[in-house]
């Protein structure tokens, strides 16, 4: 028997399935909450009476969710993607302020033009969008062309302040990409929900829940205007043939009861 206060820790250790080359056990950082639900299908045997003559348990399943406060590419790759990361992730430069020259050639060179990859739009400071003419002749205000980080504007916009957004290449950061793999592709992990909370009831701090085979599936990332982003990760447990009972039955999960039997 033990009491639990707080969310404790969640450890995910890759054990099988489709894994990245450098598979690495990981702690779910910034853990906000974690939950699991063990359900069983109850099948009654009914005769002519109101209550069943017997009840048997049929199908069982364990599904859970974890809410974290960190978007961790390494973690997600180890528990969700099973891909190999790439270096030099692209970087975005939103709303870089520039003033169109008052005289010809009415061009603006963005700050990071040497690593420019793609245009992401131009706006007036009031938010109104310019039109990318894709190399065609500029004939009116609110039009522009762009090449290799150099933006050319119509003469009628001379002296106007604009906000330019663009994508560039980066020499830092890592790119974790999920590809359209075959059906069934996923890493398999061992998941431990461990809580060290100690009271007079808890004889030691080795308390929690251990799931031997877990597959992480659904992911919800609710980004908000005035709050932190708390990604939610969904998972499901199933039996592991590497952990067997004395009679050869595969293990699904265990309770870590630091109090010991009868405590």
Protein backbone atom coordinates (compact mmCIF):
# COMPACT_ATOMS: atom_id res chain seq x y z
CA UNK A 1 0.00 0.00 0.00
CA UNK A 2 1.24 3.49 -0.73
CA UNK A 3 0.02 7.05 -1.11
CA UNK A 4 0.76 9.22 -4.11
CA UNK A 5 1.05 12.98 -4.23
CA UNK A 6 2.13 14.88 -7.31
CA UNK A 7 2.84 13.51 -10.74
CA UNK A 8 6.22 11.92 -10.08
CA UNK A 9 8.29 10.79 -13.04
CA UNK A 10 7.67 8.94 -16.30
CA UNK A 11 10.52 7.00 -17.90
CA UNK A 12 10.23 5.66 -21.46
CA UNK A 13 12.87 3.13 -22.52
CA UNK A 14 12.90 1.82 -26.13
CA UNK A 15 12.81 -1.97 -26.13
CA UNK A 16 11.67 -3.01 -29.62
CA UNK A 17 9.74 -2.23 -32.73
CA UNK A 18 11.05 0.40 -35.13
CA UNK A 19 13.71 2.46 -33.40
CA UNK A 20 16.11 5.23 -34.38
CA UNK A 21 19.75 4.29 -34.75
CA UNK A 22 20.72 5.93 -31.48
CA UNK A 23 17.78 4.76 -29.39
CA UNK A 24 17.91 6.40 -25.98
CA UNK A 25 15.85 6.03 -22.79
CA UNK A 26 14.20 9.32 -21.90
CA UNK A 27 12.48 11.09 -19.05
CA UNK A 28 9.26 12.89 -19.97
CA UNK A 29 10.28 16.42 -19.00
CA UNK A 30 7.89 18.98 -17.59
CA UNK A 31 5.36 16.26 -16.77
CA UNK A 32 2.02 17.84 -15.84
CA UNK A 33 -0.16 14.78 -15.50
CA UNK A 34 -0.25 11.16 -16.52
CA UNK A 35 -3.18 8.78 -16.37
CA UNK A 36 -4.12 5.29 -17.44
CA UNK A 37 -7.36 3.37 -17.61
CA UNK A 38 -7.54 -0.41 -17.30
CA UNK A 39 -10.81 -1.65 -18.72
CA UNK A 40 -12.34 -5.10 -19.03
CA UNK A 41 -15.33 -6.34 -20.94
CA UNK A 42 -17.80 -7.94 -18.52
CA UNK A 43 -19.82 -10.75 -20.09
CA UNK A 44 -22.83 -11.92 -18.05
CA UNK A 45 -24.45 -15.33 -18.34
CA UNK A 46 -28.19 -14.73 -18.05
CA UNK A 47 -31.12 -17.06 -17.72
CA UNK A 48 -34.73 -16.35 -16.82
CA UNK A 49 -33.88 -14.36 -13.68
CA UNK A 50 -33.11 -10.68 -13.39
CA UNK A 51 -29.50 -11.06 -12.32
CA UNK A 52 -26.91 -13.08 -14.25
CA UNK A 53 -25.96 -16.57 -13.14
CA UNK A 54 -22.30 -15.73 -13.62
CA UNK A 55 -20.04 -12.96 -14.92
CA UNK A 56 -16.81 -13.53 -16.79
CA UNK A 57 -14.13 -11.10 -17.86
CA UNK A 58 -13.36 -11.13 -21.57
CA UNK A 59 -11.28 -8.52 -23.41
CA UNK A 60 -9.00 -6.20 -21.44
CA UNK A 61 -7.00 -3.14 -22.37
CA UNK A 62 -4.86 -0.46 -20.78
CA UNK A 63 -4.76 2.98 -22.37
CA UNK A 64 -3.20 6.12 -21.02
CA UNK A 65 -2.29 9.75 -21.57
CA UNK A 66 0.63 11.91 -20.54
CA UNK A 67 0.64 15.70 -20.57
CA UNK A 68 4.05 17.37 -20.67
CA UNK A 69 5.32 20.94 -20.83
CA UNK A 70 8.22 20.34 -23.21
CA UNK A 71 8.24 19.61 -26.92
CA UNK A 72 11.21 17.23 -26.96
CA UNK A 73 12.23 16.07 -30.42
CA UNK A 74 14.54 13.36 -29.09
CA UNK A 75 11.81 11.95 -26.86
CA UNK A 76 9.15 12.01 -29.57
CA UNK A 77 11.52 10.35 -32.02
CA UNK A 78 12.25 7.55 -29.54
CA UNK A 79 8.64 6.88 -28.56
CA UNK A 80 6.63 7.99 -31.63
CA UNK A 81 8.61 8.29 -34.87
CA UNK A 82 11.43 5.74 -34.81
CA UNK A 83 13.23 7.80 -37.47
CA UNK A 84 16.78 9.08 -37.86
CA UNK A 85 17.12 12.85 -37.24
CA UNK A 86 18.83 15.34 -39.53
CA UNK A 87 20.99 18.33 -38.60
CA UNK A 88 20.50 21.96 -39.57
CA UNK A 89 16.77 22.45 -39.17
CA UNK A 90 15.28 25.35 -41.17
CA UNK A 91 14.48 28.58 -39.34
CA UNK A 92 11.73 31.17 -39.87
CA UNK A 93 12.11 34.94 -39.61
CA UNK A 94 8.66 36.49 -39.05
CA UNK A 95 7.78 40.15 -39.66
CA UNK A 96 11.27 41.52 -40.25
CA UNK A 97 10.79 45.28 -40.54
CA UNK A 98 12.24 47.14 -43.54
CA UNK A 99 11.59 50.44 -45.33
CA UNK A 100 11.33 50.41 -49.12
CA UNK A 101 13.87 52.92 -50.55
CA UNK A 102 12.47 56.26 -51.68
CA UNK A 103 14.18 55.95 -55.06
CA UNK A 104 14.85 53.23 -57.62
CA UNK A 105 15.53 50.29 -57.62
CA UNK A 106 13.01 49.95 -54.73
CA UNK A 107 14.65 46.76 -53.44
CA UNK A 108 15.08 45.41 -49.93
CA UNK A 109 17.66 42.78 -48.98
CA UNK A 110 16.60 40.81 -45.91
CA UNK A 111 19.00 40.46 -43.02
CA UNK A 112 19.65 36.74 -43.50
CA UNK A 113 19.75 36.78 -47.29
CA UNK A 114 22.82 34.53 -47.43
CA UNK A 115 20.79 31.61 -46.01
CA UNK A 116 17.46 32.53 -47.62
CA UNK A 117 15.31 29.53 -48.64
CA UNK A 118 11.77 30.73 -49.34
CA UNK A 119 9.43 33.70 -49.15
CA UNK A 120 6.77 33.61 -46.41
CA UNK A 121 4.91 36.78 -47.34
CA UNK A 122 5.04 40.57 -47.06
CA UNK A 123 2.60 42.84 -45.24
CA UNK A 124 2.08 46.51 -44.60
CA UNK A 125 2.38 47.45 -40.94
CA UNK A 126 -1.43 47.51 -40.72
CA UNK A 127 -1.48 43.81 -41.62
CA UNK A 128 -2.62 44.09 -45.25
CA UNK A 129 -0.99 41.45 -47.44
CA UNK A 130 1.16 42.18 -50.52
CA UNK A 131 0.91 40.00 -53.65
CA UNK A 132 3.91 38.00 -54.88
CA UNK A 133 3.88 38.48 -58.68
CA UNK A 134 6.12 35.45 -59.27
CA UNK A 135 8.48 37.41 -61.52
CA UNK A 136 5.82 39.24 -63.54
CA UNK A 137 6.00 43.01 -64.12
CA UNK A 138 4.97 45.11 -61.12
CA UNK A 139 2.09 47.41 -62.06
CA UNK A 140 0.47 48.51 -58.80
CA UNK A 141 1.06 49.13 -55.13
CA UNK A 142 0.98 46.07 -52.89
CA UNK A 143 2.99 43.95 -55.35
CA UNK A 144 6.51 42.50 -55.09
CA UNK A 145 8.95 40.00 -56.53
CA UNK A 146 11.64 38.13 -54.65
CA UNK A 147 14.85 36.33 -55.59
CA UNK A 148 17.51 34.93 -53.23
CA UNK A 149 16.42 37.18 -50.36
CA UNK A 150 16.16 40.39 -52.41
CA UNK A 151 12.63 41.85 -52.52
CA UNK A 152 11.65 44.27 -55.30
CA UNK A 153 8.61 46.53 -54.86
CA UNK A 154 6.48 48.77 -57.08
CA UNK A 155 7.51 52.42 -57.21
CA UNK A 156 4.20 53.50 -55.68
CA UNK A 157 5.26 51.90 -52.39
CA UNK A 158 8.50 53.90 -52.17
CA UNK A 159 9.30 54.99 -48.61
CA UNK A 160 6.76 52.56 -47.08
CA UNK A 161 7.62 50.40 -44.11
CA UNK A 162 6.91 46.70 -44.66
CA UNK A 163 7.08 43.48 -42.67
CA UNK A 164 8.82 40.62 -44.47
CA UNK A 165 8.62 37.00 -43.39
CA UNK A 166 10.88 34.32 -44.83
CA UNK A 167 12.44 30.92 -44.24
CA UNK A 168 16.17 30.37 -44.01
CA UNK A 169 18.60 27.54 -43.48
CA UNK A 170 20.19 27.08 -40.08
CA UNK A 171 23.48 25.66 -38.85
CA UNK A 172 21.93 24.71 -35.51
CA UNK A 173 19.04 22.61 -34.34
CA UNK A 174 17.87 19.13 -35.25
CA UNK A 175 15.12 18.09 -37.62
CA UNK A 176 12.95 15.17 -36.45
CA UNK A 177 10.70 14.13 -39.33
CA UNK A 178 7.92 11.55 -39.36
CA UNK A 179 7.59 9.85 -42.75
CA UNK A 180 4.73 7.89 -44.31
CA UNK A 181 5.91 4.47 -43.14
CA UNK A 182 4.15 1.16 -43.66
CA UNK A 183 1.23 0.22 -41.44
CA UNK A 184 2.34 -0.95 -38.00
CA UNK A 185 5.55 1.11 -37.89
CA UNK A 186 6.28 2.37 -34.36
CA UNK A 187 8.78 2.07 -31.55
CA UNK A 188 7.92 -0.11 -28.55
CA UNK A 189 8.93 1.16 -25.11
CA UNK A 190 8.84 0.17 -21.49
CA UNK A 191 7.05 2.85 -19.50
CA UNK A 192 7.59 3.39 -15.79
CA UNK A 193 5.44 5.81 -13.80
CA UNK A 194 7.50 6.23 -10.65
CA UNK A 195 6.61 8.37 -7.64
CA UNK A 196 9.06 8.96 -4.77
CA UNK A 197 6.55 10.64 -2.44
CA UNK A 198 7.21 9.53 1.12
CA UNK A 199 4.87 9.43 4.13
CA UNK A 200 4.55 7.37 7.30
CA UNK A 201 2.44 4.97 5.23
CA UNK A 202 5.00 4.61 2.46
CA UNK A 203 7.76 2.47 3.97
CA UNK A 204 10.06 3.50 1.12
CA UNK A 205 9.87 5.55 -2.06
CA UNK A 206 9.88 2.73 -4.61
CA UNK A 207 6.26 3.20 -5.67
CA UNK A 208 4.57 3.37 -9.04
CA UNK A 209 3.51 1.42 -12.10
CA UNK A 210 5.52 -0.45 -14.71
CA UNK A 211 4.21 -1.25 -18.21
CA UNK A 212 6.37 -3.67 -20.18
CA UNK A 213 5.24 -3.05 -23.76
CA UNK A 214 3.82 0.37 -24.66
CA UNK A 215 3.09 1.95 -28.01
CA UNK A 216 2.60 5.72 -28.17
CA UNK A 217 0.05 6.81 -30.76
CA UNK A 218 -2.09 9.95 -30.75
CA UNK A 219 -0.54 13.37 -30.13
CA UNK A 220 -2.38 16.57 -29.31
CA UNK A 221 -0.48 19.88 -29.25
CA UNK A 222 -2.78 22.74 -28.12
CA UNK A 223 -0.89 25.99 -28.71
CA UNK A 224 -2.64 28.96 -27.10
CA UNK A 225 -2.31 32.73 -27.26
CA UNK A 226 -1.87 33.32 -23.54
CA UNK A 227 -0.69 30.05 -22.03
CA UNK A 228 2.05 27.45 -22.20
CA UNK A 229 1.81 24.61 -24.68
CA UNK A 230 1.14 21.26 -22.99
CA UNK A 231 1.46 18.43 -25.54
CA UNK A 232 -0.63 15.35 -24.78
CA UNK A 233 0.67 11.89 -25.70
CA UNK A 234 -1.60 8.85 -25.88
CA UNK A 235 -0.35 5.33 -25.28
CA UNK A 236 -1.53 1.73 -24.94
CA UNK A 237 0.06 -1.23 -23.17
CA UNK A 238 0.09 -4.86 -24.23
CA UNK A 239 1.78 -8.12 -23.09
CA UNK A 240 5.52 -8.68 -23.26
CA UNK A 241 6.84 -12.16 -24.03
CA UNK A 242 10.20 -11.19 -22.54
CA UNK A 243 8.70 -11.06 -19.03
CA UNK A 244 6.95 -14.34 -18.24
CA UNK A 245 5.24 -15.82 -15.22
CA UNK A 246 6.23 -19.22 -13.81
CA UNK A 247 3.57 -20.78 -16.03
CA UNK A 248 4.81 -18.92 -19.12
CA UNK A 249 2.20 -16.17 -19.32
CA UNK A 250 3.46 -12.84 -20.70
CA UNK A 251 3.42 -9.82 -18.37
CA UNK A 252 1.39 -6.69 -19.10
CA UNK A 253 2.04 -4.41 -16.13
CA UNK A 254 3.14 -4.38 -12.51
CA UNK A 255 2.50 -2.26 -9.42
CA UNK A 256 5.67 -1.12 -7.63
CA UNK A 257 4.54 -1.23 -4.00
CA UNK A 258 7.42 -0.10 -1.83
CA UNK A 259 5.42 -0.92 1.27
CA UNK A 260 5.70 -4.61 0.56
CA UNK A 261 3.07 -7.33 0.82
CA UNK A 262 0.40 -6.52 3.40
CA UNK A 263 1.61 -2.99 4.08
